[in-house]
Structures are given as structure tokens and as C-alpha cells.
Amino acid sequence: DIPLAGHQGIRRTRQRLLQNFYWPGVFTTVHQYCRSCDPCQRVGKARDKQKAALRPLPIIEEPFQKVAMDIVGPLSKTTRSGKKYILVVVDFATRYPEAVPLSSIEADTVADALLTIF
């Protein structure tokens, strides 16, 4: 049981073992081993996860009608003026990005930065 090693499920593990080995109860042993695998128990199977339904985005006619924004930080190195955050705004229509350095992420600081963009 090496942490970086893995298996590809019960069927493939059994097929790989049977290429070179056999013992009575190989099917049961492989089944029990794969079912008790700690990483698999934590993560689960890929097919167990339900995918969210896709919804089409509406067509946006004018730039900056709808934007996405996020704040990056705190950054490990600050600027000389003490800016350790970045407000990132991206326009949905044009994908135009805008980035503004911030000294804090308080509401009034973020609002002032948004006013400089718009």
C-alpha cells in the first residue's frame, strides 16, 4: 500500500493481477481490497457525482452590462503603497479584464475601486 500508487477499480485490478498471478479467492480478495481503499472511500467514484445541468447564458448586447468580479489576496508581497489585494473585474460580453490594486477589502475601498473602473 504505497500512497502514490493506485488502482483503477475492481475489474482492471483483477485483470492486471490475473496476467501473472492466481490464487483461490482472487476475485473476493481484490473486491474487498478495492472496497476498503482509503483514498477511494474519501473521493468516491467519478460516476457517483451528479453533474449540474447546463444552462445557456443569455446573449449580452452591450459591454459591461454584466460583469464577474473577485478579490485576490492577501498577496505575500505588498507594493510600496501597501496594496496587498487585487480586485479583478471581467466583462461577460467582451471578456475584457480590469485589475485594481487594493490596500484592504473593506466595502468602501472596493466600492471606490469599482467607481474608478466604471
N, C-alpha and C. Protein backbone atom coordinates (compact mmCIF):
# COMPACT_ATOMS: atom_id res chain seq x y z
N ASP A 1 0.83 -1.19 0.00
CA ASP A 1 0.00 0.00 0.00
C ASP A 1 0.87 1.25 0.00
N ILE A 2 1.24 1.68 -1.17
CA ILE A 2 2.04 2.89 -1.33
C ILE A 2 1.07 4.04 -1.60
N PRO A 3 1.18 5.15 -0.85
CA PRO A 3 0.21 6.24 -1.01
C PRO A 3 0.12 6.81 -2.42
N LEU A 4 1.22 6.85 -3.16
CA LEU A 4 1.19 7.42 -4.50
C LEU A 4 0.78 6.41 -5.55
N ALA A 5 0.77 5.14 -5.18
CA ALA A 5 0.31 4.12 -6.12
C ALA A 5 -1.21 4.09 -6.06
N GLY A 6 -1.81 3.51 -7.05
CA GLY A 6 -3.26 3.46 -7.05
C GLY A 6 -3.76 2.27 -7.83
N HIS A 7 -5.05 2.18 -7.92
CA HIS A 7 -5.67 1.13 -8.72
C HIS A 7 -6.75 1.77 -9.56
N GLN A 8 -7.21 1.05 -10.55
CA GLN A 8 -8.21 1.59 -11.47
C GLN A 8 -9.53 0.86 -11.33
N GLY A 9 -9.87 0.51 -10.13
CA GLY A 9 -11.13 -0.15 -9.89
C GLY A 9 -10.97 -1.65 -9.80
N ILE A 10 -12.06 -2.31 -9.46
CA ILE A 10 -12.04 -3.75 -9.21
C ILE A 10 -11.72 -4.53 -10.47
N ARG A 11 -12.41 -4.25 -11.55
CA ARG A 11 -12.25 -5.04 -12.77
C ARG A 11 -10.83 -4.94 -13.33
N ARG A 12 -10.30 -3.74 -13.45
CA ARG A 12 -8.95 -3.58 -14.02
C ARG A 12 -7.87 -4.13 -13.10
N THR A 13 -8.05 -3.95 -11.80
CA THR A 13 -7.08 -4.51 -10.86
C THR A 13 -7.06 -6.03 -10.97
N ARG A 14 -8.23 -6.63 -11.05
CA ARG A 14 -8.32 -8.09 -11.18
C ARG A 14 -7.67 -8.55 -12.49
N GLN A 15 -7.93 -7.84 -13.58
CA GLN A 15 -7.33 -8.21 -14.87
C GLN A 15 -5.81 -8.14 -14.82
N ARG A 16 -5.28 -7.09 -14.20
CA ARG A 16 -3.82 -6.95 -14.12
C ARG A 16 -3.21 -8.05 -13.27
N LEU A 17 -3.86 -8.38 -12.16
CA LEU A 17 -3.35 -9.46 -11.31
C LEU A 17 -3.37 -10.80 -12.03
N LEU A 18 -4.46 -11.07 -12.73
CA LEU A 18 -4.61 -12.37 -13.39
C LEU A 18 -3.66 -12.56 -14.57
N GLN A 19 -3.00 -11.50 -15.01
CA GLN A 19 -1.99 -11.65 -16.06
C GLN A 19 -0.79 -12.45 -15.56
N ASN A 20 -0.49 -12.34 -14.27
CA ASN A 20 0.70 -13.01 -13.72
C ASN A 20 0.45 -13.88 -12.50
N PHE A 21 -0.70 -13.72 -11.85
CA PHE A 21 -0.93 -14.42 -10.59
C PHE A 21 -2.32 -15.03 -10.55
N TYR A 22 -2.46 -16.04 -9.69
CA TYR A 22 -3.77 -16.60 -9.38
C TYR A 22 -3.68 -17.28 -8.03
N TRP A 23 -4.71 -17.17 -7.24
CA TRP A 23 -4.87 -17.93 -6.01
C TRP A 23 -6.35 -18.11 -5.78
N PRO A 24 -6.72 -19.13 -5.03
CA PRO A 24 -8.14 -19.33 -4.74
C PRO A 24 -8.70 -18.12 -3.99
N GLY A 25 -9.77 -17.58 -4.48
CA GLY A 25 -10.39 -16.42 -3.85
C GLY A 25 -9.84 -15.09 -4.33
N VAL A 26 -9.15 -15.09 -5.48
CA VAL A 26 -8.58 -13.84 -6.00
C VAL A 26 -9.66 -12.79 -6.25
N PHE A 27 -10.82 -13.21 -6.73
CA PHE A 27 -11.90 -12.27 -7.02
C PHE A 27 -12.40 -11.59 -5.73
N THR A 28 -12.58 -12.39 -4.69
CA THR A 28 -13.05 -11.85 -3.41
C THR A 28 -12.01 -10.93 -2.78
N THR A 29 -10.75 -11.35 -2.84
CA THR A 29 -9.67 -10.54 -2.26
C THR A 29 -9.56 -9.18 -2.93
N VAL A 30 -9.59 -9.18 -4.26
CA VAL A 30 -9.49 -7.91 -4.99
C VAL A 30 -10.70 -7.03 -4.70
N HIS A 31 -11.88 -7.64 -4.66
CA HIS A 31 -13.10 -6.90 -4.38
C HIS A 31 -13.02 -6.24 -3.00
N GLN A 32 -12.61 -7.00 -1.99
CA GLN A 32 -12.52 -6.46 -0.63
C GLN A 32 -11.44 -5.38 -0.53
N TYR A 33 -10.31 -5.61 -1.20
CA TYR A 33 -9.22 -4.64 -1.15
C TYR A 33 -9.65 -3.30 -1.77
N CYS A 34 -10.25 -3.37 -2.93
CA CYS A 34 -10.66 -2.13 -3.61
C CYS A 34 -11.78 -1.42 -2.85
N ARG A 35 -12.68 -2.16 -2.25
CA ARG A 35 -13.78 -1.55 -1.49
C ARG A 35 -13.28 -0.90 -0.20
N SER A 36 -12.15 -1.37 0.33
CA SER A 36 -11.63 -0.82 1.58
C SER A 36 -10.52 0.21 1.35
N CYS A 37 -10.26 0.56 0.12
CA CYS A 37 -9.20 1.51 -0.22
C CYS A 37 -9.56 2.89 0.35
N ASP A 38 -8.68 3.42 1.22
CA ASP A 38 -8.96 4.68 1.91
C ASP A 38 -9.15 5.86 0.95
N PRO A 39 -8.24 6.09 -0.01
CA PRO A 39 -8.48 7.23 -0.93
C PRO A 39 -9.78 7.10 -1.72
N CYS A 40 -10.13 5.88 -2.11
CA CYS A 40 -11.38 5.70 -2.86
C CYS A 40 -12.59 5.98 -1.98
N GLN A 41 -12.50 5.63 -0.71
CA GLN A 41 -13.61 5.89 0.20
C GLN A 41 -13.80 7.39 0.40
N ARG A 42 -12.69 8.13 0.41
CA ARG A 42 -12.77 9.57 0.61
C ARG A 42 -13.28 10.30 -0.62
N VAL A 43 -12.81 9.89 -1.80
CA VAL A 43 -13.12 10.60 -3.03
C VAL A 43 -14.39 10.08 -3.69
N GLY A 44 -14.58 8.79 -3.69
CA GLY A 44 -15.73 8.19 -4.35
C GLY A 44 -15.46 7.95 -5.82
N LYS A 45 -16.41 7.37 -6.48
CA LYS A 45 -16.29 7.08 -7.90
C LYS A 45 -16.70 8.29 -8.72
N ALA A 46 -16.09 8.43 -9.87
CA ALA A 46 -16.41 9.56 -10.74
C ALA A 46 -17.87 9.51 -11.18
N ARG A 47 -18.39 8.32 -11.39
CA ARG A 47 -19.77 8.24 -11.88
C ARG A 47 -20.80 8.47 -10.78
N ASP A 48 -20.36 8.49 -9.51
CA ASP A 48 -21.28 8.74 -8.42
C ASP A 48 -21.67 10.22 -8.32
N LYS A 49 -20.84 11.09 -8.87
CA LYS A 49 -21.10 12.51 -8.76
C LYS A 49 -22.07 12.94 -9.85
N GLN A 50 -23.12 13.61 -9.44
CA GLN A 50 -24.09 14.08 -10.41
C GLN A 50 -23.63 15.42 -10.97
N LYS A 51 -23.71 15.55 -12.26
CA LYS A 51 -23.31 16.79 -12.91
C LYS A 51 -24.47 17.77 -12.89
N ALA A 52 -24.14 19.01 -12.71
CA ALA A 52 -25.16 20.05 -12.71
C ALA A 52 -25.66 20.26 -14.14
N ALA A 53 -26.92 20.56 -14.26
CA ALA A 53 -27.49 20.82 -15.57
C ALA A 53 -26.91 22.11 -16.14
N LEU A 54 -26.58 22.08 -17.41
CA LEU A 54 -26.05 23.27 -18.06
C LEU A 54 -27.20 24.20 -18.43
N ARG A 55 -26.98 25.46 -18.18
CA ARG A 55 -27.96 26.46 -18.56
C ARG A 55 -27.27 27.45 -19.48
N PRO A 56 -27.87 27.77 -20.60
CA PRO A 56 -27.22 28.72 -21.51
C PRO A 56 -27.20 30.13 -20.90
N LEU A 57 -26.09 30.82 -21.13
CA LEU A 57 -26.01 32.21 -20.69
C LEU A 57 -26.74 33.08 -21.71
N PRO A 58 -27.45 34.07 -21.24
CA PRO A 58 -28.13 34.96 -22.19
C PRO A 58 -27.11 35.75 -23.00
N ILE A 59 -27.47 36.08 -24.21
CA ILE A 59 -26.59 36.88 -25.07
C ILE A 59 -26.61 38.32 -24.56
N ILE A 60 -25.44 38.83 -24.30
CA ILE A 60 -25.32 40.19 -23.76
C ILE A 60 -24.98 41.12 -24.91
N GLU A 61 -25.82 42.10 -25.10
CA GLU A 61 -25.69 43.00 -26.25
C GLU A 61 -24.62 44.07 -26.04
N GLU A 62 -24.54 44.68 -24.85
CA GLU A 62 -23.59 45.76 -24.63
C GLU A 62 -22.52 45.37 -23.63
N PRO A 63 -21.32 45.90 -23.85
CA PRO A 63 -20.25 45.64 -22.90
C PRO A 63 -20.57 46.20 -21.51
N PHE A 64 -20.10 45.55 -20.50
CA PHE A 64 -20.24 45.91 -19.09
C PHE A 64 -21.69 45.93 -18.62
N GLN A 65 -22.57 45.22 -19.34
CA GLN A 65 -23.94 45.06 -18.86
C GLN A 65 -23.94 44.03 -17.72
N LYS A 66 -23.05 43.03 -17.83
CA LYS A 66 -22.92 42.02 -16.79
C LYS A 66 -21.44 41.72 -16.62
N VAL A 67 -20.97 41.75 -15.37
CA VAL A 67 -19.55 41.51 -15.09
C VAL A 67 -19.40 40.48 -13.98
N ALA A 68 -18.23 39.89 -13.95
CA ALA A 68 -17.85 39.00 -12.85
C ALA A 68 -16.71 39.66 -12.12
N MET A 69 -16.69 39.53 -10.80
CA MET A 69 -15.58 40.13 -10.06
C MET A 69 -15.17 39.23 -8.92
N ASP A 70 -13.89 39.36 -8.56
CA ASP A 70 -13.32 38.57 -7.48
C ASP A 70 -12.18 39.37 -6.88
N ILE A 71 -11.83 39.03 -5.66
CA ILE A 71 -10.71 39.68 -4.99
C ILE A 71 -9.63 38.64 -4.75
N VAL A 72 -8.41 38.95 -5.18
CA VAL A 72 -7.27 38.06 -5.00
C VAL A 72 -6.45 38.61 -3.84
N GLY A 73 -6.05 37.72 -2.92
CA GLY A 73 -5.19 38.16 -1.84
C GLY A 73 -5.58 37.57 -0.52
N PRO A 74 -4.87 37.86 0.52
CA PRO A 74 -3.76 38.80 0.56
C PRO A 74 -2.51 38.22 -0.11
N LEU A 75 -1.83 39.06 -0.86
CA LEU A 75 -0.62 38.65 -1.54
C LEU A 75 0.55 38.70 -0.57
N SER A 76 1.52 37.83 -0.78
CA SER A 76 2.64 37.76 0.16
C SER A 76 3.52 39.00 0.09
N LYS A 77 3.71 39.55 -1.09
CA LYS A 77 4.50 40.78 -1.23
C LYS A 77 3.54 41.93 -1.51
N THR A 78 3.68 42.98 -0.73
CA THR A 78 2.84 44.15 -0.95
C THR A 78 3.63 45.20 -1.73
N THR A 79 2.91 46.14 -2.32
CA THR A 79 3.57 47.24 -3.03
C THR A 79 4.08 48.25 -2.01
N ARG A 80 4.84 49.22 -2.49
CA ARG A 80 5.35 50.27 -1.59
C ARG A 80 4.23 51.07 -0.96
N SER A 81 3.11 51.15 -1.67
CA SER A 81 1.97 51.90 -1.13
C SER A 81 1.06 51.03 -0.26
N GLY A 82 1.45 49.78 0.00
CA GLY A 82 0.71 48.92 0.91
C GLY A 82 -0.44 48.16 0.29
N LYS A 83 -0.45 48.04 -1.02
CA LYS A 83 -1.53 47.31 -1.70
C LYS A 83 -1.23 45.81 -1.62
N LYS A 84 -2.14 45.06 -1.00
CA LYS A 84 -1.91 43.62 -0.89
C LYS A 84 -3.07 42.78 -1.43
N TYR A 85 -4.04 43.42 -2.03
CA TYR A 85 -5.17 42.73 -2.66
C TYR A 85 -5.33 43.24 -4.09
N ILE A 86 -6.01 42.45 -4.92
CA ILE A 86 -6.31 42.87 -6.29
C ILE A 86 -7.79 42.60 -6.55
N LEU A 87 -8.49 43.63 -6.97
CA LEU A 87 -9.88 43.48 -7.41
C LEU A 87 -9.84 43.19 -8.91
N VAL A 88 -10.38 42.04 -9.31
CA VAL A 88 -10.38 41.65 -10.72
C VAL A 88 -11.83 41.67 -11.20
N VAL A 89 -12.07 42.42 -12.28
CA VAL A 89 -13.40 42.52 -12.88
C VAL A 89 -13.28 42.10 -14.34
N VAL A 90 -14.16 41.19 -14.78
CA VAL A 90 -14.15 40.71 -16.17
C VAL A 90 -15.53 40.91 -16.76
N ASP A 91 -15.57 41.52 -17.94
CA ASP A 91 -16.83 41.74 -18.64
C ASP A 91 -17.27 40.45 -19.32
N PHE A 92 -18.53 40.06 -19.13
CA PHE A 92 -19.04 38.82 -19.74
C PHE A 92 -19.10 38.91 -21.26
N ALA A 93 -19.44 40.06 -21.80
CA ALA A 93 -19.64 40.19 -23.25
C ALA A 93 -18.32 40.16 -24.01
N THR A 94 -17.34 40.92 -23.55
CA THR A 94 -16.08 41.05 -24.30
C THR A 94 -14.93 40.27 -23.69
N ARG A 95 -15.10 39.79 -22.45
CA ARG A 95 -14.04 39.12 -21.69
C ARG A 95 -12.89 40.07 -21.36
N TYR A 96 -13.17 41.37 -21.38
CA TYR A 96 -12.17 42.38 -21.06
C TYR A 96 -11.90 42.36 -19.56
N PRO A 97 -10.63 42.17 -19.16
CA PRO A 97 -10.33 42.16 -17.72
C PRO A 97 -9.87 43.53 -17.23
N GLU A 98 -10.13 43.80 -16.00
CA GLU A 98 -9.66 45.02 -15.36
C GLU A 98 -9.19 44.61 -13.97
N ALA A 99 -8.03 45.10 -13.56
CA ALA A 99 -7.48 44.77 -12.24
C ALA A 99 -7.10 46.05 -11.52
N VAL A 100 -7.50 46.15 -10.26
CA VAL A 100 -7.22 47.34 -9.46
C VAL A 100 -6.58 46.89 -8.15
N PRO A 101 -5.41 47.44 -7.80
CA PRO A 101 -4.80 47.07 -6.52
C PRO A 101 -5.55 47.72 -5.36
N LEU A 102 -5.68 46.97 -4.27
CA LEU A 102 -6.39 47.46 -3.09
C LEU A 102 -5.53 47.31 -1.85
N SER A 103 -5.68 48.23 -0.91
CA SER A 103 -4.96 48.12 0.35
C SER A 103 -5.75 47.30 1.37
N SER A 104 -7.07 47.28 1.23
CA SER A 104 -7.92 46.46 2.10
C SER A 104 -9.13 46.00 1.30
N ILE A 105 -9.89 45.10 1.89
CA ILE A 105 -11.08 44.60 1.18
C ILE A 105 -12.36 45.02 1.89
N GLU A 106 -12.29 46.15 2.56
CA GLU A 106 -13.49 46.70 3.18
C GLU A 106 -14.42 47.23 2.09
N ALA A 107 -15.70 47.28 2.40
CA ALA A 107 -16.72 47.63 1.41
C ALA A 107 -16.46 48.98 0.75
N ASP A 108 -16.08 49.98 1.54
CA ASP A 108 -15.89 51.31 0.94
C ASP A 108 -14.68 51.34 0.01
N THR A 109 -13.63 50.58 0.32
CA THR A 109 -12.45 50.52 -0.54
C THR A 109 -12.79 49.84 -1.86
N VAL A 110 -13.54 48.75 -1.79
CA VAL A 110 -13.94 48.03 -3.01
C VAL A 110 -14.89 48.89 -3.84
N ALA A 111 -15.81 49.58 -3.19
CA ALA A 111 -16.75 50.45 -3.91
C ALA A 111 -16.01 51.58 -4.62
N ASP A 112 -15.02 52.18 -3.96
CA ASP A 112 -14.22 53.23 -4.61
C ASP A 112 -13.48 52.69 -5.83
N ALA A 113 -12.95 51.47 -5.71
CA ALA A 113 -12.24 50.86 -6.84
C ALA A 113 -13.19 50.60 -8.00
N LEU A 114 -14.41 50.15 -7.70
CA LEU A 114 -15.40 49.92 -8.75
C LEU A 114 -15.77 51.23 -9.45
N LEU A 115 -15.84 52.31 -8.69
CA LEU A 115 -16.15 53.61 -9.29
C LEU A 115 -15.03 54.08 -10.21
N THR A 116 -13.79 53.72 -9.91
CA THR A 116 -12.69 54.10 -10.81
C THR A 116 -12.76 53.32 -12.12
N ILE A 117 -13.29 52.10 -12.07
CA ILE A 117 -13.41 51.30 -13.29
C ILE A 117 -14.57 51.80 -14.14
N PHE A 118 -15.70 52.08 -13.49
CA PHE A 118 -16.90 52.45 -14.23
C PHE A 118 -17.11 53.94 -14.17
